[in-house]
Amino acid sequence: MEWLRWFHGCVTDPKFSLIARRSGQTLPSTLAVWAALLERASQAQDRGCVEGFDCDSFDALFGLEDGACQKIMSAIEAKGLIVDGRIAKWDERQNKDESAAERKRLQREREKLSQEKAELEALRAECHAMSQDVTAGHAMSPRLDKIREEKKEEKYNPPVSNTGKEGTCAPAPSDSGVCDLEFSNSCSQAENAQDEPPSPESVDLAGDMPGIEFVELREYYSREAKPEAELAGFIEYKQLRASRLWPGLSVVFEGIDRLKAKDSEWQRGFAPGLARFLRERQWTMQPRAAPEGRALPGQSQSWIDRANSETTAAIEEMERQRQAKKRNTA
C-alpha cells in the first residue's frame, strides 16, 4: 500500500509537545520523527511494525545532532505511542476503508456505462449517415423517379378484393381452392394502416433504446428464423411504429410461423434478415412454393434493393464487431 492516514490535529496534539520537552528536542523535529515512523510502519511487510528504524540515518537526514532521533523515539515509547515494536492502535486507525472501495467501484461502473453509451451513440450516428448517403446516391440517378414508381406499383399496391374496393387484402386461394384464413386475418389487421412506408429521415434514429416489445421480437426471430444482432431491424421497427403500420407481436409471430412452415426458401434455411423482413412487411406475404428449375418471383433485385441490402449487411456487421470487441474487453 502506497498511502497511510494522517489525522487532523496531529500537529497541534499536546502529546507531541510533551514528548519534545522530555526528549530535549524541538516540536518540528519530534513531528518529523513521528511521520518517519508512520511511513516505516506503512511500508513494513507486517504493517504497523517499526522494528529496524535507523535513528542514525534520520539524524543525518533531518540535520539533527547525533542521538536526537533515538531520544525522541524513546520518549514516544514511554508515552505509549509505540508498544512492542508496533505503532499503538495501528490496525484500528489504518484499516482499509470499505466504503471508499465501494464508491470507487461504483465510479468505475459509471465510467464504463458512459463509455458504452458514447459508443452506441456513435454507432447510431454512423448508421444514420450511411442511410443518408444511400438516399443521396439515389437522388443523383436520372432514372430514380421511374424506378420508384415501378417499385411502388410492384410492392405496395394492394390487390383488389371481391368487393372491388382497393386497399384491402384479398384472401389468397390455396391449392384446394379454399382461402387461406391465416393469411387473410393477418392482412385484415393491417388494412386500415397507410401502405406507404416512411422514409428513414422521418424517424428519429437516435431515439430510445429498444423496448421489451422489440427485444421479444428479435429473440423470437433469432430462435425461429435467423440469428440476429442486438440492434438488427430496430430502425425498421421504429419506422413501422411511426407510420402506424405495426400490427402487433401476435400478428408478426403468426406470419413468422406461417413462413417457416410453408415457405420453400425459409425451409431451405434462406430466411431474410430481420431488417429486410420488417422493411418488406413479409409477415403479410403468402408463402412461396417454387417449382424446380424456375426462379421465385421477386428474386431478381433492382440496384436499389441491392444497395439497401448491402447497407443493412454493413450495419449488422458493424454491430457484430462492436459486440465482439465489448466481450473481449470485458
Protein backbone atom coordinates (compact mmCIF):
# COMPACT_ATOMS: atom_id res chain seq x y z
CA MET A 1 0.00 0.00 0.00
CA GLU A 2 1.41 3.41 -1.01
CA TRP A 3 -0.56 5.63 1.35
CA LEU A 4 -1.49 5.94 5.03
CA ARG A 5 -3.87 8.06 7.08
CA TRP A 6 -2.75 11.26 8.77
CA PHE A 7 -5.43 12.50 11.12
CA HIS A 8 -6.34 16.15 11.64
CA GLY A 9 -4.90 17.64 14.79
CA CYS A 10 -1.66 15.66 14.90
CA VAL A 11 0.45 18.81 14.55
CA THR A 12 -1.30 20.53 17.48
CA ASP A 13 -1.65 17.40 19.65
CA PRO A 14 -0.30 18.22 23.16
CA LYS A 15 1.25 14.75 23.40
CA PHE A 16 3.96 15.68 20.89
CA SER A 17 4.76 18.91 22.77
CA LEU A 18 5.27 16.81 25.92
CA ILE A 19 7.42 14.28 24.00
CA ALA A 20 9.55 17.12 22.59
CA ARG A 21 10.08 18.59 26.11
CA ARG A 22 11.02 15.20 27.65
CA SER A 23 13.43 14.35 24.83
CA GLY A 24 15.02 17.83 24.87
CA GLN A 25 14.24 18.34 21.16
CA THR A 26 12.09 20.79 19.21
CA LEU A 27 8.46 20.13 18.27
CA PRO A 28 9.19 20.18 14.48
CA SER A 29 11.90 17.54 14.98
CA THR A 30 9.51 15.42 17.04
CA LEU A 31 6.76 15.62 14.39
CA ALA A 32 9.28 14.77 11.64
CA VAL A 33 10.41 11.64 13.50
CA TRP A 34 6.78 10.63 14.13
CA ALA A 35 5.97 10.99 10.42
CA ALA A 36 9.03 8.91 9.53
CA LEU A 37 7.92 6.19 11.99
CA LEU A 38 4.43 6.10 10.40
CA GLU A 39 5.92 5.70 6.92
CA ARG A 40 8.18 2.93 8.19
CA ALA A 41 5.17 1.14 9.69
CA SER A 42 3.13 1.53 6.50
CA GLN A 43 5.90 0.15 4.25
CA ALA A 44 6.74 -2.81 6.50
CA GLN A 45 5.67 -6.28 5.40
CA ASP A 46 3.86 -6.54 8.74
CA ARG A 47 2.09 -3.19 8.56
CA GLY A 48 2.38 -1.28 11.82
CA CYS A 49 5.82 -2.67 12.79
CA VAL A 50 8.68 -0.14 13.26
CA GLU A 51 11.44 -2.54 14.21
CA GLY A 52 14.71 -1.73 12.44
CA PHE A 53 14.06 2.01 12.31
CA ASP A 54 17.50 3.59 11.66
CA CYS A 55 17.72 6.56 14.04
CA ASP A 56 21.28 7.50 12.98
CA SER A 57 20.31 7.83 9.32
CA PHE A 58 17.41 10.11 10.17
CA ASP A 59 19.67 12.23 12.39
CA ALA A 60 21.71 12.94 9.28
CA LEU A 61 18.62 13.34 7.06
CA PHE A 62 16.89 15.85 9.36
CA GLY A 63 20.12 17.67 10.26
CA LEU A 64 19.83 16.79 13.97
CA GLU A 65 22.59 16.15 16.43
CA ASP A 66 23.69 12.56 16.92
CA GLY A 67 21.29 10.59 19.11
CA ALA A 68 18.40 13.08 18.76
CA CYS A 69 16.11 10.65 16.89
CA GLN A 70 16.80 7.92 19.45
CA LYS A 71 15.83 10.27 22.30
CA ILE A 72 12.59 11.24 20.54
CA MET A 73 11.74 7.61 19.78
CA SER A 74 12.39 6.61 23.42
CA ALA A 75 10.08 9.40 24.61
CA ILE A 76 7.41 8.23 22.13
CA GLU A 77 7.66 4.68 23.50
CA ALA A 78 7.44 5.99 27.05
CA LYS A 79 4.28 7.88 26.13
CA GLY A 80 2.72 4.64 24.84
CA LEU A 81 2.56 5.50 21.16
CA ILE A 82 4.83 2.53 20.35
CA VAL A 83 4.10 -0.81 22.02
CA ASP A 84 6.19 -3.97 21.46
CA GLY A 85 7.81 -2.51 18.36
CA ARG A 86 4.50 -1.51 16.74
CA ILE A 87 2.58 1.71 16.40
CA ALA A 88 -0.19 1.59 19.00
CA LYS A 89 -3.73 1.28 17.55
CA TRP A 90 -2.34 0.90 14.02
CA ASP A 91 -4.90 -1.69 12.93
CA GLU A 92 -7.72 0.38 14.39
CA ARG A 93 -6.79 3.65 12.70
CA GLN A 94 -5.22 2.46 9.45
CA ASN A 95 -7.75 -0.20 8.40
CA LYS A 96 -8.97 -0.34 4.81
CA ASP A 97 -11.99 1.87 4.16
CA GLU A 98 -14.56 -0.47 2.63
CA SER A 99 -16.96 2.37 1.87
CA ALA A 100 -14.26 4.15 -0.14
CA ALA A 101 -13.60 0.96 -2.12
CA GLU A 102 -17.30 0.60 -2.85
CA ARG A 103 -17.50 4.21 -4.01
CA LYS A 104 -14.55 3.63 -6.31
CA ARG A 105 -16.16 0.50 -7.75
CA LEU A 106 -19.39 2.37 -8.46
CA GLN A 107 -17.43 5.16 -10.10
CA ARG A 108 -15.70 2.68 -12.41
CA GLU A 109 -19.05 1.17 -13.34
CA ARG A 110 -20.48 4.61 -14.13
CA GLU A 111 -17.48 5.40 -16.33
CA LYS A 112 -17.87 2.08 -18.15
CA LEU A 113 -21.57 2.71 -18.77
CA SER A 114 -20.84 6.22 -20.04
CA GLN A 115 -18.26 4.85 -22.45
CA GLU A 116 -20.64 2.19 -23.77
CA LYS A 117 -23.36 4.81 -24.21
CA ALA A 118 -20.98 7.03 -26.17
CA GLU A 119 -20.00 4.10 -28.41
CA LEU A 120 -23.67 3.30 -29.06
CA GLU A 121 -24.47 6.91 -29.92
CA ALA A 122 -21.51 6.99 -32.32
CA LEU A 123 -22.75 3.78 -33.97
CA ARG A 124 -26.25 5.23 -34.37
CA ALA A 125 -24.85 8.41 -35.89
CA GLU A 126 -22.76 6.37 -38.32
CA CYS A 127 -25.78 4.26 -39.31
CA HIS A 128 -27.81 7.44 -39.87
CA ALA A 129 -25.03 8.90 -42.03
CA MET A 130 -24.87 5.70 -44.09
CA SER A 131 -28.63 5.77 -44.70
CA GLN A 132 -28.40 9.40 -45.82
CA ASP A 133 -25.53 8.53 -48.19
CA VAL A 134 -27.68 5.85 -49.83
CA THR A 135 -30.58 8.31 -50.18
CA ALA A 136 -28.27 10.92 -51.71
CA GLY A 137 -26.93 8.35 -54.18
CA HIS A 138 -30.47 7.54 -55.24
CA ALA A 139 -31.24 11.23 -55.80
CA MET A 140 -28.32 11.52 -58.26
CA SER A 141 -29.78 8.89 -60.60
CA PRO A 142 -31.84 10.28 -63.52
CA ARG A 143 -33.93 7.08 -63.50
CA LEU A 144 -34.88 7.36 -59.84
CA ASP A 145 -38.45 8.60 -60.33
CA LYS A 146 -39.25 5.86 -62.81
CA ILE A 147 -37.72 3.13 -60.63
CA ARG A 148 -39.56 4.36 -57.56
CA GLU A 149 -42.88 4.27 -59.41
CA GLU A 150 -42.18 0.74 -60.65
CA LYS A 151 -41.28 -0.50 -57.17
CA LYS A 152 -44.31 1.23 -55.65
CA GLU A 153 -46.62 -0.47 -58.13
CA GLU A 154 -44.88 -3.80 -57.64
CA LYS A 155 -44.74 -3.90 -53.82
CA TYR A 156 -47.22 -1.54 -52.25
CA ASN A 157 -50.28 -1.57 -54.50
CA PRO A 158 -52.69 -3.98 -52.76
CA PRO A 159 -54.78 -6.42 -54.81
CA VAL A 160 -58.45 -5.72 -55.49
CA SER A 161 -60.80 -7.78 -53.34
CA ASN A 162 -64.03 -9.44 -54.49
CA THR A 163 -65.96 -6.35 -53.40
CA GLY A 164 -63.98 -4.21 -55.85
CA LYS A 165 -62.61 -1.94 -53.10
CA GLU A 166 -58.93 -1.14 -53.42
CA GLY A 167 -56.66 -1.02 -50.37
CA THR A 168 -57.91 -4.30 -48.87
CA CYS A 169 -56.09 -7.60 -48.88
CA ALA A 170 -57.79 -10.33 -50.84
CA PRO A 171 -57.55 -13.81 -49.30
CA ALA A 172 -55.10 -15.97 -51.22
CA PRO A 173 -56.62 -19.22 -52.54
CA SER A 174 -54.92 -22.42 -51.56
CA ASP A 175 -54.29 -25.42 -53.81
CA SER A 176 -57.71 -26.81 -52.90
CA GLY A 177 -59.48 -23.58 -53.82
CA VAL A 178 -60.15 -22.60 -50.19
CA CYS A 179 -58.95 -19.20 -48.98
CA ASP A 180 -56.01 -19.19 -46.61
CA LEU A 181 -57.71 -17.82 -43.49
CA GLU A 182 -54.46 -17.24 -41.63
CA PHE A 183 -53.15 -15.05 -44.45
CA SER A 184 -56.48 -13.21 -44.72
CA ASN A 185 -56.66 -12.50 -40.98
CA SER A 186 -53.12 -11.09 -40.87
CA CYS A 187 -53.91 -8.82 -43.80
CA SER A 188 -57.20 -7.60 -42.34
CA GLN A 189 -55.50 -6.42 -39.13
CA ALA A 190 -53.19 -4.12 -41.14
CA GLU A 191 -55.62 -2.96 -43.89
CA ASN A 192 -56.52 0.31 -42.10
CA ALA A 193 -52.88 1.43 -41.93
CA GLN A 194 -51.19 3.51 -44.62
CA ASP A 195 -49.41 1.45 -47.27
CA GLU A 196 -46.61 3.89 -47.97
CA PRO A 197 -43.64 3.19 -45.62
CA PRO A 198 -41.91 6.21 -44.07
CA SER A 199 -38.50 7.35 -45.24
CA PRO A 200 -35.54 6.92 -42.83
CA GLU A 201 -35.38 10.70 -42.41
CA SER A 202 -38.90 10.79 -40.93
CA VAL A 203 -37.92 8.57 -37.98
CA ASP A 204 -35.68 9.55 -35.07
CA LEU A 205 -32.83 7.03 -35.46
CA ALA A 206 -31.16 8.26 -32.27
CA GLY A 207 -34.18 7.61 -30.06
CA ASP A 208 -34.58 5.44 -27.01
CA MET A 209 -33.03 2.04 -26.52
CA PRO A 210 -35.03 -0.98 -27.74
CA GLY A 211 -38.02 -1.73 -25.54
CA ILE A 212 -39.40 -5.02 -24.32
CA GLU A 213 -41.55 -5.50 -27.45
CA PHE A 214 -38.62 -5.22 -29.86
CA VAL A 215 -36.43 -7.44 -27.68
CA GLU A 216 -39.14 -10.13 -27.70
CA LEU A 217 -39.45 -9.78 -31.50
CA ARG A 218 -35.68 -10.09 -32.08
CA GLU A 219 -35.34 -13.06 -29.74
CA TYR A 220 -38.29 -14.86 -31.37
CA TYR A 221 -36.95 -14.20 -34.87
CA SER A 222 -33.45 -15.32 -33.88
CA ARG A 223 -34.87 -18.52 -32.44
CA GLU A 224 -37.36 -19.38 -35.19
CA ALA A 225 -35.85 -17.87 -38.36
CA LYS A 226 -32.31 -16.50 -38.29
CA PRO A 227 -29.88 -15.38 -35.52
CA GLU A 228 -29.71 -11.59 -35.40
CA ALA A 229 -27.53 -8.95 -33.73
CA GLU A 230 -28.78 -6.85 -30.83
CA LEU A 231 -29.95 -3.84 -32.91
CA ALA A 232 -30.69 -5.60 -36.21
CA GLY A 233 -34.03 -4.37 -37.54
CA PHE A 234 -34.51 -1.74 -34.83
CA ILE A 235 -34.62 1.16 -37.30
CA GLU A 236 -37.19 -0.62 -39.48
CA TYR A 237 -39.25 -1.46 -36.39
CA LYS A 238 -39.30 2.21 -35.37
CA GLN A 239 -40.33 3.21 -38.90
CA LEU A 240 -43.27 0.81 -38.77
CA ARG A 241 -44.35 2.16 -35.38
CA ALA A 242 -44.03 5.76 -36.53
CA SER A 243 -46.08 5.15 -39.70
CA ARG A 244 -48.71 3.09 -37.81
CA LEU A 245 -48.00 0.01 -39.93
CA TRP A 246 -47.01 -2.12 -36.94
CA PRO A 247 -49.74 -4.77 -36.44
CA GLY A 248 -48.51 -6.12 -33.10
CA LEU A 249 -46.36 -9.04 -31.97
CA SER A 250 -49.06 -11.68 -32.27
CA VAL A 251 -49.67 -10.96 -35.98
CA VAL A 252 -45.94 -10.87 -36.76
CA PHE A 253 -45.32 -14.09 -34.82
CA GLU A 254 -48.11 -15.79 -36.78
CA GLY A 255 -46.52 -14.60 -40.03
CA ILE A 256 -43.12 -15.95 -38.98
CA ASP A 257 -44.61 -19.32 -38.06
CA ARG A 258 -46.55 -19.48 -41.35
CA LEU A 259 -43.49 -18.69 -43.48
CA LYS A 260 -41.32 -21.10 -41.51
CA ALA A 261 -43.84 -23.91 -42.04
CA LYS A 262 -44.82 -23.28 -45.67
CA ASP A 263 -42.30 -21.06 -47.46
CA SER A 264 -39.80 -23.05 -49.55
CA GLU A 265 -36.98 -20.52 -49.12
CA TRP A 266 -37.36 -20.44 -45.33
CA GLN A 267 -37.43 -24.22 -45.22
CA ARG A 268 -34.14 -24.29 -47.14
CA GLY A 269 -32.57 -22.02 -44.50
CA PHE A 270 -32.71 -18.84 -46.59
CA ALA A 271 -34.84 -16.73 -44.27
CA PRO A 272 -34.14 -12.98 -44.72
CA GLY A 273 -32.61 -10.79 -42.04
CA LEU A 274 -34.94 -9.18 -39.53
CA ALA A 275 -34.36 -5.73 -41.07
CA ARG A 276 -35.49 -6.89 -44.51
CA PHE A 277 -38.36 -8.91 -43.02
CA LEU A 278 -39.71 -5.76 -41.35
CA ARG A 279 -38.91 -3.38 -44.19
CA GLU A 280 -40.82 -5.51 -46.74
CA ARG A 281 -43.56 -6.43 -44.21
CA GLN A 282 -43.10 -10.07 -45.11
CA TRP A 283 -45.49 -11.28 -42.42
CA THR A 284 -48.26 -10.26 -44.83
CA MET A 285 -46.80 -12.23 -47.73
CA GLN A 286 -48.12 -15.57 -48.94
CA PRO A 287 -45.63 -18.47 -48.56
CA ARG A 288 -43.78 -19.22 -51.78
CA ALA A 289 -43.61 -22.65 -53.38
CA ALA A 290 -41.02 -22.61 -56.17
CA PRO A 291 -41.13 -25.30 -58.87
CA GLU A 292 -37.82 -26.96 -59.71
CA GLY A 293 -35.79 -25.16 -62.33
CA ARG A 294 -37.84 -21.98 -62.02
CA ALA A 295 -36.83 -18.84 -60.13
CA LEU A 296 -39.08 -17.48 -57.40
CA PRO A 297 -40.99 -14.26 -58.15
CA GLY A 298 -39.15 -11.23 -56.86
CA GLN A 299 -35.78 -12.95 -56.59
CA SER A 300 -34.16 -10.60 -59.13
CA GLN A 301 -33.24 -7.45 -57.23
CA SER A 302 -33.03 -3.91 -58.56
CA TRP A 303 -29.98 -1.81 -57.75
CA ILE A 304 -31.96 -0.02 -55.02
CA ASP A 305 -32.74 -3.33 -53.28
CA ARG A 306 -29.12 -4.38 -53.56
CA ALA A 307 -27.94 -1.06 -52.11
CA ASN A 308 -30.37 -1.36 -49.20
CA SER A 309 -29.33 -4.97 -48.59
CA GLU A 310 -25.64 -4.04 -48.62
CA THR A 311 -26.24 -1.16 -46.23
CA THR A 312 -28.18 -3.41 -43.85
CA ALA A 313 -25.46 -6.06 -44.02
CA ALA A 314 -22.78 -3.47 -43.27
CA ILE A 315 -24.72 -2.17 -40.25
CA GLU A 316 -25.22 -5.70 -38.92
CA GLU A 317 -21.51 -6.50 -39.39
CA MET A 318 -20.53 -3.32 -37.51
CA GLU A 319 -22.84 -4.30 -34.65
CA ARG A 320 -21.37 -7.83 -34.50
CA GLN A 321 -17.85 -6.37 -34.39
CA ARG A 322 -18.83 -3.97 -31.61
CA GLN A 323 -20.35 -6.81 -29.57
CA ALA A 324 -17.22 -8.95 -30.08
CA LYS A 325 -14.97 -6.05 -29.05
CA LYS A 326 -17.05 -5.46 -25.92
CA ARG A 327 -16.87 -9.16 -24.97
CA ASN A 328 -13.07 -9.17 -25.47
CA THR A 329 -12.55 -6.09 -23.31
CA ALA A 330 -14.92 -7.30 -20.55
